Amino acid sequence: MQPETRYAKSGDVNIAYQVVGAGPLDLVYVPGWISNVELMWEEPAHALLLRRLASFSRLILFDKRGTGLSDPVPLDRLPTLEQRMDDVRAVMDAAGSERAAIFGSSEGGLMSVLFAATYPQRTRALIALAVYAKRVWSPDYPWAPKPEARAAEIESIERTWGGEMDISDLAPSADEAFKQRAVRYLRRSASPGAAVALLRMNTQIDVRAVLPTIRVPTLVLQRVGDRDVNVEEGRWIAAQIPGANYVELPGDEHLIWAGNVDAVVDEVEEFLTGSRPVHEADRVLATVLFTDIVGSTERAAELGDRRWGDVIEQHHAIVRRELEGFRGEEMDTAGDGFFATFDGPARAVRAAWSIREAVRELGIELRVGLHTGECELMADKAGGIAVHIGARIARAARADEILASSTVRDLVAGSGIEFEDRGPHELKGVGSWRLYAVASA
């Protein structure tokens, strides 16, 4: 369940915000370029980031004016960095926060820097990830793009908004499913006019003179392979802030919710609380479900990228709806397949049946694999031999078939679910297993 969305008044503009968690310190999360506080919770990696932050803080998140659920603004009177900083203050007031740590990424880091320097009495600490000081090249700031490159980038985003927008530089290592979800999230967070106008506004920002005036404890985080903010840029920025801690993290992602989210939050938690969390795996009995679309490459070629993208989007919505209805938990989405876990094998079988029947309306068929075994659950991820067995079973399934291990069949005895014996199968790396096709659920 995502938290309630509320509104704070900043001048004559309504700013959408949420509060989640009950930790001993307040933490304001300042998003990058554009955001939507409700859609954040729909992306598993983004939701993981927020839940982790809320585990040790009272987390306050909001949409900047002109984006998400906050009031739109006239495109000919875009908000200044100072007005957006006032939005942070208004949200803190509305949330009853006298003093908070401020955590911003990318453009949100610029707002955070200005707020910390202007209101040190209200800033417990400053954390910035992938922050830049200016967005246009100059001889004394060689990491920013040249004016013509920046203009070409903005033109490309304006031309492809809502379509085949390329975000490879923001999350180079992410799979296509993640990139599609990220593009959809951006599209639903701002209109194309607002998104492009805000990029043009960001191009004019220069906070270099502000950096040496910061007097609060500061942590600067930088992924070493970030293509949007150069690692040398991050080092330079940290060196300009008196006493700042600087930590480099592996990875090439610029989006805060891409890549290893846990590594980012671990550093933030240790900086703010003095202790680094120990990620101990919980071992539980769970039923794993794997799905895969049959002949996806051929169907994509037949329908074309745009139509196939629409089918995939509908498929994902159906799967997530059914998972929610049967208390399944999405663990991962890779390409056109899903990996989920259930706390009961009968629910997993019935979820698989419902998913298969529902996606037939889209003209696609699934292979589904099910297995029950001991899983290691850690930071909303599942691992262990049971997961590998479930994945192998899915690969062994025929088109439009739900294939389950003998363990699943034995555990649902008496439930009314019927199976057909498919005999022993040699599953790569995990031995021989007797498998059963679900005949009725």
Protein backbone atom coordinates (compact mmCIF):
# COMPACT_ATOMS: atom_id res chain seq x y z
CA MET A 1 0.00 0.00 0.00
CA GLN A 2 1.46 3.35 -0.99
CA PRO A 3 1.09 6.28 1.42
CA GLU A 4 -1.57 8.95 1.11
CA THR A 5 -0.83 11.85 -1.24
CA ARG A 6 -1.30 15.24 0.39
CA TYR A 7 -0.79 18.83 -0.76
CA ALA A 8 1.29 21.68 0.61
CA LYS A 9 0.80 25.29 -0.44
CA SER A 10 3.92 26.99 -1.79
CA GLY A 11 2.85 30.51 -2.68
CA ASP A 12 -0.17 29.92 -4.93
CA VAL A 13 1.01 26.48 -6.11
CA ASN A 14 -0.09 23.12 -4.68
CA ILE A 15 2.80 20.69 -4.14
CA ALA A 16 1.99 16.97 -3.89
CA TYR A 17 3.84 15.12 -1.15
CA GLN A 18 3.80 11.89 0.85
CA VAL A 19 5.14 10.85 4.24
CA VAL A 20 6.09 7.24 5.00
CA GLY A 21 8.04 5.59 7.80
CA ALA A 22 8.47 6.37 11.47
CA GLY A 23 12.23 6.57 11.93
CA PRO A 24 13.97 8.89 14.38
CA LEU A 25 15.08 11.39 11.71
CA ASP A 26 13.29 13.20 8.89
CA LEU A 27 14.61 12.63 5.38
CA VAL A 28 13.41 14.66 2.40
CA TYR A 29 13.86 12.88 -0.93
CA VAL A 30 14.25 15.40 -3.77
CA PRO A 31 13.75 13.62 -7.13
CA GLY A 32 15.59 14.44 -10.33
CA TRP A 33 14.28 16.10 -13.50
CA ILE A 34 10.61 14.98 -13.25
CA SER A 35 8.66 12.63 -10.99
CA ASN A 36 5.30 11.27 -9.89
CA VAL A 37 5.02 10.31 -6.21
CA GLU A 38 2.34 7.70 -6.84
CA LEU A 39 3.90 6.08 -9.90
CA MET A 40 7.20 5.71 -8.02
CA TRP A 41 5.60 2.90 -6.03
CA GLU A 42 4.63 0.99 -9.19
CA GLU A 43 8.23 0.41 -10.27
CA PRO A 44 9.74 -2.37 -8.08
CA ALA A 45 13.24 -0.85 -8.00
CA HIS A 46 11.91 2.62 -7.18
CA ALA A 47 9.62 1.21 -4.49
CA LEU A 48 12.59 -0.68 -3.03
CA LEU A 49 14.53 2.59 -2.80
CA LEU A 50 11.69 4.32 -0.96
CA ARG A 51 11.02 1.42 1.41
CA ARG A 52 14.69 1.16 2.29
CA LEU A 53 14.93 4.90 3.00
CA ALA A 54 11.73 4.77 5.09
CA SER A 55 13.10 1.85 7.12
CA PHE A 56 15.40 4.17 9.11
CA SER A 57 13.71 7.56 8.66
CA ARG A 58 10.46 9.41 8.39
CA LEU A 59 10.65 9.81 4.63
CA ILE A 60 9.11 12.86 2.94
CA LEU A 61 8.83 12.79 -0.85
CA PHE A 62 7.21 15.25 -3.24
CA ASP A 63 6.73 16.28 -6.86
CA LYS A 64 8.31 19.56 -7.86
CA ARG A 65 5.97 22.18 -9.29
CA GLY A 66 5.12 21.54 -12.91
CA THR A 67 5.63 17.77 -12.59
CA GLY A 68 3.73 14.71 -11.40
CA LEU A 69 0.73 15.45 -9.19
CA SER A 70 1.78 18.99 -8.29
CA ASP A 71 0.20 21.98 -10.03
CA PRO A 72 1.31 22.65 -13.61
CA VAL A 73 3.06 25.92 -14.31
CA PRO A 74 2.94 28.21 -17.36
CA LEU A 75 5.67 27.25 -19.79
CA ASP A 76 6.57 30.89 -20.31
CA ARG A 77 7.09 31.40 -16.55
CA LEU A 78 9.09 28.38 -15.45
CA PRO A 79 10.00 28.08 -11.79
CA THR A 80 13.40 29.26 -10.72
CA LEU A 81 15.68 27.14 -8.58
CA GLU A 82 14.82 29.48 -5.71
CA GLN A 83 11.08 28.85 -6.11
CA ARG A 84 11.66 25.11 -6.19
CA MET A 85 13.74 25.42 -3.04
CA ASP A 86 10.76 27.18 -1.45
CA ASP A 87 8.69 24.12 -2.39
CA VAL A 88 10.99 21.98 -0.21
CA ARG A 89 10.44 24.34 2.69
CA ALA A 90 6.66 24.36 2.17
CA VAL A 91 6.54 20.55 2.13
CA MET A 92 8.64 20.34 5.29
CA ASP A 93 6.30 22.80 7.01
CA ALA A 94 3.22 20.87 5.92
CA ALA A 95 4.77 17.60 7.10
CA GLY A 96 5.68 19.10 10.47
CA SER A 97 9.41 18.76 9.92
CA GLU A 98 11.58 21.37 11.62
CA ARG A 99 14.89 19.86 10.52
CA ALA A 100 15.63 17.13 8.00
CA ALA A 101 18.36 15.48 6.01
CA ILE A 102 18.03 16.45 2.34
CA PHE A 103 18.73 13.79 -0.28
CA GLY A 104 18.69 14.78 -3.95
CA SER A 105 19.76 13.07 -7.15
CA SER A 106 20.69 14.66 -10.48
CA GLU A 107 18.78 17.97 -10.81
CA GLY A 108 17.28 17.30 -7.38
CA GLY A 109 20.81 17.52 -6.05
CA LEU A 110 21.00 21.14 -7.24
CA MET A 111 17.91 22.06 -5.23
CA SER A 112 19.31 20.20 -2.26
CA VAL A 113 22.62 22.05 -2.47
CA LEU A 114 20.89 25.44 -2.58
CA PHE A 115 18.54 24.54 0.28
CA ALA A 116 21.36 23.29 2.52
CA ALA A 117 23.38 26.45 1.93
CA THR A 118 20.39 28.77 2.44
CA TYR A 119 18.73 26.99 5.37
CA PRO A 120 21.48 25.26 7.37
CA GLN A 121 19.35 25.55 10.51
CA ARG A 122 16.73 23.31 8.87
CA THR A 123 19.21 20.93 7.25
CA ARG A 124 20.50 18.06 9.34
CA ALA A 125 22.68 16.77 6.49
CA LEU A 126 23.00 16.93 2.70
CA ILE A 127 23.28 13.86 0.46
CA ALA A 128 23.67 14.21 -3.31
CA LEU A 129 23.90 11.46 -5.91
CA ALA A 130 25.00 12.13 -9.50
CA VAL A 131 24.80 15.88 -8.95
CA TYR A 132 26.16 18.43 -11.41
CA ALA A 133 27.04 22.08 -10.81
CA LYS A 134 26.22 23.37 -14.30
CA ARG A 135 24.91 21.94 -17.54
CA VAL A 136 26.88 23.72 -20.27
CA TRP A 137 30.60 23.33 -21.02
CA SER A 138 33.11 26.03 -20.20
CA PRO A 139 36.92 25.90 -19.97
CA ASP A 140 36.73 25.80 -16.17
CA TYR A 141 33.95 23.18 -16.20
CA PRO A 142 34.90 20.70 -18.94
CA TRP A 143 32.54 17.86 -17.95
CA ALA A 144 29.26 19.43 -19.09
CA PRO A 145 28.08 19.00 -22.70
CA LYS A 146 28.86 21.66 -25.29
CA PRO A 147 25.90 23.97 -26.09
CA GLU A 148 25.23 22.29 -29.44
CA ALA A 149 25.28 18.82 -27.86
CA ARG A 150 22.89 19.92 -25.13
CA ALA A 151 20.55 21.47 -27.71
CA ALA A 152 20.62 18.27 -29.78
CA GLU A 153 19.80 16.20 -26.68
CA ILE A 154 16.80 18.38 -25.83
CA GLU A 155 15.59 18.30 -29.45
CA SER A 156 15.79 14.50 -29.47
CA ILE A 157 13.79 14.21 -26.25
CA GLU A 158 11.13 16.59 -27.55
CA ARG A 159 10.85 14.67 -30.83
CA THR A 160 10.62 11.21 -29.24
CA TRP A 161 8.63 12.00 -26.07
CA GLY A 162 6.04 9.34 -25.44
CA GLY A 163 7.52 7.09 -28.12
CA GLU A 164 10.90 5.51 -28.69
CA MET A 165 12.81 7.80 -26.35
CA ASP A 166 16.38 6.63 -25.85
CA ILE A 167 17.43 6.56 -22.18
CA SER A 168 20.46 4.34 -22.68
CA ASP A 169 22.77 6.92 -21.11
CA LEU A 170 20.59 7.03 -17.99
CA ALA A 171 20.56 3.27 -17.43
CA PRO A 172 22.96 1.57 -19.88
CA SER A 173 22.99 -1.83 -18.19
CA ALA A 174 19.22 -2.10 -17.64
CA ASP A 175 17.20 -4.59 -19.65
CA GLU A 176 14.67 -3.44 -22.23
CA ALA A 177 11.71 -4.05 -19.93
CA PHE A 178 13.18 -1.71 -17.32
CA LYS A 179 13.89 0.95 -19.95
CA GLN A 180 10.35 0.72 -21.29
CA ARG A 181 8.94 1.13 -17.80
CA ALA A 182 11.27 4.07 -17.14
CA VAL A 183 10.20 5.80 -20.35
CA ARG A 184 6.55 5.24 -19.44
CA TYR A 185 7.19 6.66 -15.95
CA LEU A 186 8.81 9.79 -17.40
CA ARG A 187 5.99 10.24 -19.91
CA ARG A 188 3.39 10.07 -17.14
CA SER A 189 5.34 12.48 -14.92
CA ALA A 190 5.23 15.54 -17.19
CA SER A 191 3.83 16.76 -20.48
CA PRO A 192 6.34 16.98 -23.33
CA GLY A 193 6.23 20.76 -23.22
CA ALA A 194 6.91 20.85 -19.49
CA ALA A 195 9.64 18.22 -19.67
CA VAL A 196 11.53 20.03 -22.42
CA ALA A 197 11.01 23.45 -20.85
CA LEU A 198 12.47 22.18 -17.58
CA LEU A 199 15.49 20.79 -19.43
CA ARG A 200 16.06 24.20 -21.00
CA MET A 201 15.77 25.80 -17.56
CA ASN A 202 18.29 23.33 -16.14
CA THR A 203 20.70 24.27 -18.90
CA GLN A 204 20.97 27.76 -17.40
CA ILE A 205 21.72 26.60 -13.82
CA ASP A 206 25.14 27.15 -12.28
CA VAL A 207 25.62 26.50 -8.54
CA ARG A 208 29.43 26.43 -8.47
CA ALA A 209 29.59 29.53 -6.26
CA VAL A 210 27.19 27.93 -3.75
CA LEU A 211 29.25 24.80 -3.10
CA PRO A 212 31.94 26.37 -0.83
CA THR A 213 29.23 27.99 1.34
CA ILE A 214 27.72 24.70 2.51
CA ARG A 215 28.31 24.18 6.25
CA VAL A 216 26.26 21.06 7.00
CA PRO A 217 27.52 17.44 6.99
CA THR A 218 27.59 16.39 3.35
CA LEU A 219 27.84 13.10 1.47
CA VAL A 220 28.44 13.10 -2.29
CA LEU A 221 27.77 9.77 -4.04
CA GLN A 222 28.90 9.02 -7.57
CA ARG A 223 28.67 5.90 -9.73
CA VAL A 224 31.97 5.55 -11.53
CA GLY A 225 30.54 4.74 -14.96
CA ASP A 226 27.73 7.35 -14.98
CA ARG A 227 27.52 8.70 -18.54
CA ASP A 228 25.40 11.70 -17.63
CA VAL A 229 27.56 13.00 -14.76
CA ASN A 230 31.25 12.24 -15.17
CA VAL A 231 33.06 10.70 -12.20
CA GLU A 232 35.67 13.49 -12.39
CA GLU A 233 32.80 15.96 -12.16
CA GLY A 234 31.57 14.27 -8.99
CA ARG A 235 35.05 14.37 -7.46
CA TRP A 236 35.40 18.07 -8.27
CA ILE A 237 32.03 18.94 -6.75
CA ALA A 238 32.81 17.05 -3.54
CA ALA A 239 36.16 18.86 -3.28
CA GLN A 240 34.39 22.25 -3.39
CA ILE A 241 32.20 21.48 -0.35
CA PRO A 242 34.08 21.93 2.93
CA GLY A 243 34.48 18.63 4.77
CA ALA A 244 32.30 16.64 2.35
CA ASN A 245 32.49 12.87 2.34
CA TYR A 246 32.86 11.44 -1.13
CA VAL A 247 32.00 7.83 -2.05
CA GLU A 248 32.28 6.23 -5.46
CA LEU A 249 30.02 3.29 -6.25
CA PRO A 250 30.32 0.71 -9.03
CA GLY A 251 27.85 0.94 -11.87
CA ASP A 252 27.06 3.06 -14.92
CA GLU A 253 23.51 4.11 -14.09
CA HIS A 254 22.44 7.73 -13.69
CA LEU A 255 18.85 7.04 -12.62
CA ILE A 256 18.83 6.62 -8.86
CA TRP A 257 16.46 3.63 -9.00
CA ALA A 258 18.49 1.79 -11.65
CA GLY A 259 21.31 -0.59 -10.83
CA ASN A 260 22.26 -1.50 -7.28
CA VAL A 261 19.80 0.50 -5.19
CA ASP A 262 20.89 -1.23 -1.99
CA ALA A 263 24.46 0.02 -2.40
CA VAL A 264 23.21 3.62 -2.58
CA VAL A 265 20.92 3.32 0.44
CA ASP A 266 23.58 1.50 2.49
CA GLU A 267 25.84 4.57 2.18
CA VAL A 268 22.99 6.96 3.02
CA GLU A 269 21.94 4.94 6.07
CA GLU A 270 25.48 4.66 7.41
CA PHE A 271 26.09 8.38 6.90
CA LEU A 272 22.89 9.39 8.71
CA THR A 273 22.71 6.75 11.44
CA GLY A 274 26.32 5.70 11.95
CA SER A 275 25.65 2.04 11.20
CA ARG A 276 25.58 0.06 7.98
CA PRO A 277 22.75 -2.47 7.66
CA VAL A 278 23.63 -6.15 7.59
CA HIS A 279 21.67 -7.84 4.83
CA GLU A 280 20.85 -11.24 6.21
CA ALA A 281 18.90 -13.55 3.98
CA ASP A 282 15.64 -14.89 5.36
CA ARG A 283 15.12 -18.51 4.40
CA VAL A 284 11.45 -19.27 3.82
CA LEU A 285 9.35 -21.85 2.04
CA ALA A 286 7.88 -20.21 -1.04
CA THR A 287 6.41 -21.13 -4.40
CA VAL A 288 8.18 -19.52 -7.32
CA LEU A 289 6.47 -18.74 -10.62
CA PHE A 290 8.22 -17.99 -13.91
CA THR A 291 6.44 -16.90 -17.09
CA ASP A 292 7.72 -16.42 -20.62
CA ILE A 293 5.94 -15.36 -23.81
CA VAL A 294 6.10 -17.98 -26.56
CA GLY A 295 7.57 -16.76 -29.85
CA SER A 296 8.01 -13.18 -28.68
CA THR A 297 10.72 -12.38 -31.24
CA GLU A 298 8.57 -13.57 -34.13
CA ARG A 299 5.49 -11.69 -32.85
CA ALA A 300 7.53 -8.51 -32.39
CA ALA A 301 8.72 -8.74 -36.00
CA GLU A 302 5.17 -9.41 -37.18
CA LEU A 303 3.54 -6.53 -35.29
CA GLY A 304 6.33 -3.96 -35.35
CA ASP A 305 8.02 -2.30 -32.39
CA ARG A 306 5.23 0.13 -31.51
CA ARG A 307 2.36 -2.37 -31.60
CA TRP A 308 4.42 -5.02 -29.86
CA GLY A 309 5.34 -2.48 -27.18
CA ASP A 310 1.62 -1.88 -26.59
CA VAL A 311 1.02 -5.64 -26.28
CA ILE A 312 3.88 -5.99 -23.78
CA GLU A 313 2.53 -3.09 -21.73
CA GLN A 314 -0.92 -4.72 -21.59
CA HIS A 315 0.65 -8.08 -20.76
CA HIS A 316 2.59 -6.58 -17.84
CA ALA A 317 -0.54 -4.88 -16.52
CA ILE A 318 -2.48 -8.16 -16.64
CA VAL A 319 0.25 -10.14 -14.90
CA ARG A 320 0.63 -7.54 -12.15
CA ARG A 321 -3.14 -7.41 -11.64
CA GLU A 322 -3.33 -11.18 -11.22
CA LEU A 323 -0.29 -11.29 -8.95
CA GLU A 324 -1.94 -8.74 -6.70
CA GLY A 325 -5.19 -10.70 -6.69
CA PHE A 326 -3.48 -13.91 -5.61
CA ARG A 327 -1.04 -12.28 -3.13
CA GLY A 328 1.96 -12.90 -5.33
CA GLU A 329 5.04 -10.71 -5.04
CA GLU A 330 6.86 -9.61 -8.18
CA MET A 331 10.57 -10.30 -7.85
CA ASP A 332 11.85 -9.44 -11.30
CA THR A 333 10.78 -8.63 -14.83
CA ALA A 334 13.26 -9.53 -17.53
CA GLY A 335 12.29 -8.87 -21.15
CA ASP A 336 8.79 -10.32 -21.55
CA GLY A 337 8.88 -12.70 -18.58
CA PHE A 338 7.99 -12.45 -14.90
CA PHE A 339 9.43 -13.99 -11.76
CA ALA A 340 7.19 -13.93 -8.69
CA THR A 341 6.86 -15.69 -5.35
CA PHE A 342 3.81 -16.87 -3.40
CA ASP A 343 3.31 -17.94 0.20
CA GLY A 344 1.04 -20.81 -0.90
CA PRO A 345 1.38 -23.25 -3.83
CA ALA A 346 -2.36 -23.45 -4.59
CA ARG A 347 -2.54 -19.66 -4.96
CA ALA A 348 0.48 -19.78 -7.25
CA VAL A 349 -1.13 -22.43 -9.47
CA ARG A 350 -4.41 -20.51 -9.67
CA ALA A 351 -2.55 -17.27 -10.38
CA ALA A 352 -0.68 -18.98 -13.21
CA TRP A 353 -3.97 -20.30 -14.63
CA SER A 354 -5.61 -16.85 -14.46
CA ILE A 355 -2.61 -15.14 -16.03
CA ARG A 356 -2.50 -17.62 -18.91
CA GLU A 357 -6.22 -17.29 -19.60
CA ALA A 358 -6.15 -13.48 -19.40
CA VAL A 359 -3.23 -12.94 -21.77
CA ARG A 360 -4.85 -15.13 -24.44
CA GLU A 361 -7.03 -12.10 -25.17
CA LEU A 362 -3.85 -10.41 -26.42
CA GLY A 363 -3.20 -13.25 -28.86
CA ILE A 364 -0.14 -14.52 -27.01
CA GLU A 365 0.75 -17.78 -25.31
CA LEU A 366 2.85 -18.36 -22.22
CA ARG A 367 5.15 -20.98 -20.82
CA VAL A 368 4.85 -21.12 -17.03
CA GLY A 369 6.98 -22.94 -14.49
CA LEU A 370 6.15 -23.54 -10.80
CA HIS A 371 8.17 -24.99 -7.94
CA THR A 372 7.98 -24.89 -4.15
CA GLY A 373 11.14 -24.90 -2.06
CA GLU A 374 13.28 -22.99 0.38
CA CYS A 375 14.20 -19.52 -0.90
CA GLU A 376 16.55 -16.87 0.40
CA LEU A 377 14.74 -13.55 0.64
CA MET A 378 16.94 -10.48 0.95
CA ALA A 379 16.06 -6.85 0.20
CA ASP A 380 12.96 -7.83 -1.81
CA LYS A 381 14.93 -10.32 -3.89
CA ALA A 382 14.73 -14.09 -3.90
CA GLY A 383 17.49 -16.58 -4.53
CA GLY A 384 18.53 -20.15 -3.88
CA ILE A 385 18.25 -23.49 -5.62
CA ALA A 386 14.43 -23.39 -5.62
CA VAL A 387 14.54 -20.32 -7.85
CA HIS A 388 16.85 -22.05 -10.33
CA ILE A 389 14.61 -25.12 -10.41
CA GLY A 390 11.53 -22.97 -11.11
CA ALA A 391 13.30 -21.22 -13.98
CA ARG A 392 14.40 -24.55 -15.50
CA ILE A 393 10.84 -25.91 -15.28
CA ALA A 394 9.51 -22.88 -17.16
CA ARG A 395 12.00 -23.53 -19.96
CA ALA A 396 10.83 -27.14 -20.14
CA ALA A 397 7.17 -26.16 -20.54
CA ARG A 398 5.44 -26.38 -23.89
CA ALA A 399 3.61 -23.48 -25.48
CA ASP A 400 0.51 -22.53 -23.46
CA GLU A 401 1.49 -24.99 -20.70
CA ILE A 402 1.74 -24.53 -16.94
CA LEU A 403 4.35 -26.99 -15.72
CA ALA A 404 4.86 -27.74 -12.03
CA SER A 405 7.26 -29.83 -9.98
CA SER A 406 6.14 -32.90 -8.07
CA THR A 407 6.58 -30.85 -4.90
CA VAL A 408 3.86 -28.43 -5.99
CA ARG A 409 1.52 -31.25 -6.98
CA ASP A 410 2.00 -33.02 -3.63
CA LEU A 411 1.43 -29.85 -1.58
CA VAL A 412 -1.87 -28.95 -3.27
CA ALA A 413 -3.43 -32.40 -2.83
CA GLY A 414 -7.11 -32.03 -1.92
CA SER A 415 -7.37 -28.54 -3.44
CA GLY A 416 -9.25 -29.69 -6.53
CA ILE A 417 -6.39 -28.74 -8.83
CA GLU A 418 -5.78 -31.45 -11.46
CA PHE A 419 -2.50 -32.42 -13.11
CA GLU A 420 -1.27 -34.51 -16.02
CA ASP A 421 1.95 -36.46 -15.56
CA ARG A 422 4.67 -35.31 -17.95
CA GLY A 423 7.24 -37.79 -16.67
CA PRO A 424 10.83 -37.21 -15.54
CA HIS A 425 12.82 -34.32 -17.00
CA GLU A 426 16.53 -33.70 -16.74
CA LEU A 427 16.83 -30.03 -15.72
CA LYS A 428 20.19 -28.47 -16.45
CA GLY A 429 22.27 -28.11 -13.31
CA VAL A 430 19.55 -29.29 -10.88
CA GLY A 431 19.08 -32.96 -11.74
CA SER A 432 16.07 -35.06 -12.74
CA TRP A 433 12.58 -33.95 -11.70
CA ARG A 434 9.15 -35.43 -12.38
CA LEU A 435 6.98 -32.70 -13.81
CA TYR A 436 3.22 -32.27 -14.10
CA ALA A 437 1.13 -30.04 -16.35
CA VAL A 438 -1.76 -28.23 -14.70
CA ALA A 439 -4.93 -29.58 -16.33
CA SER A 440 -7.52 -27.70 -14.29
CA ALA A 441 -7.35 -25.00 -11.66
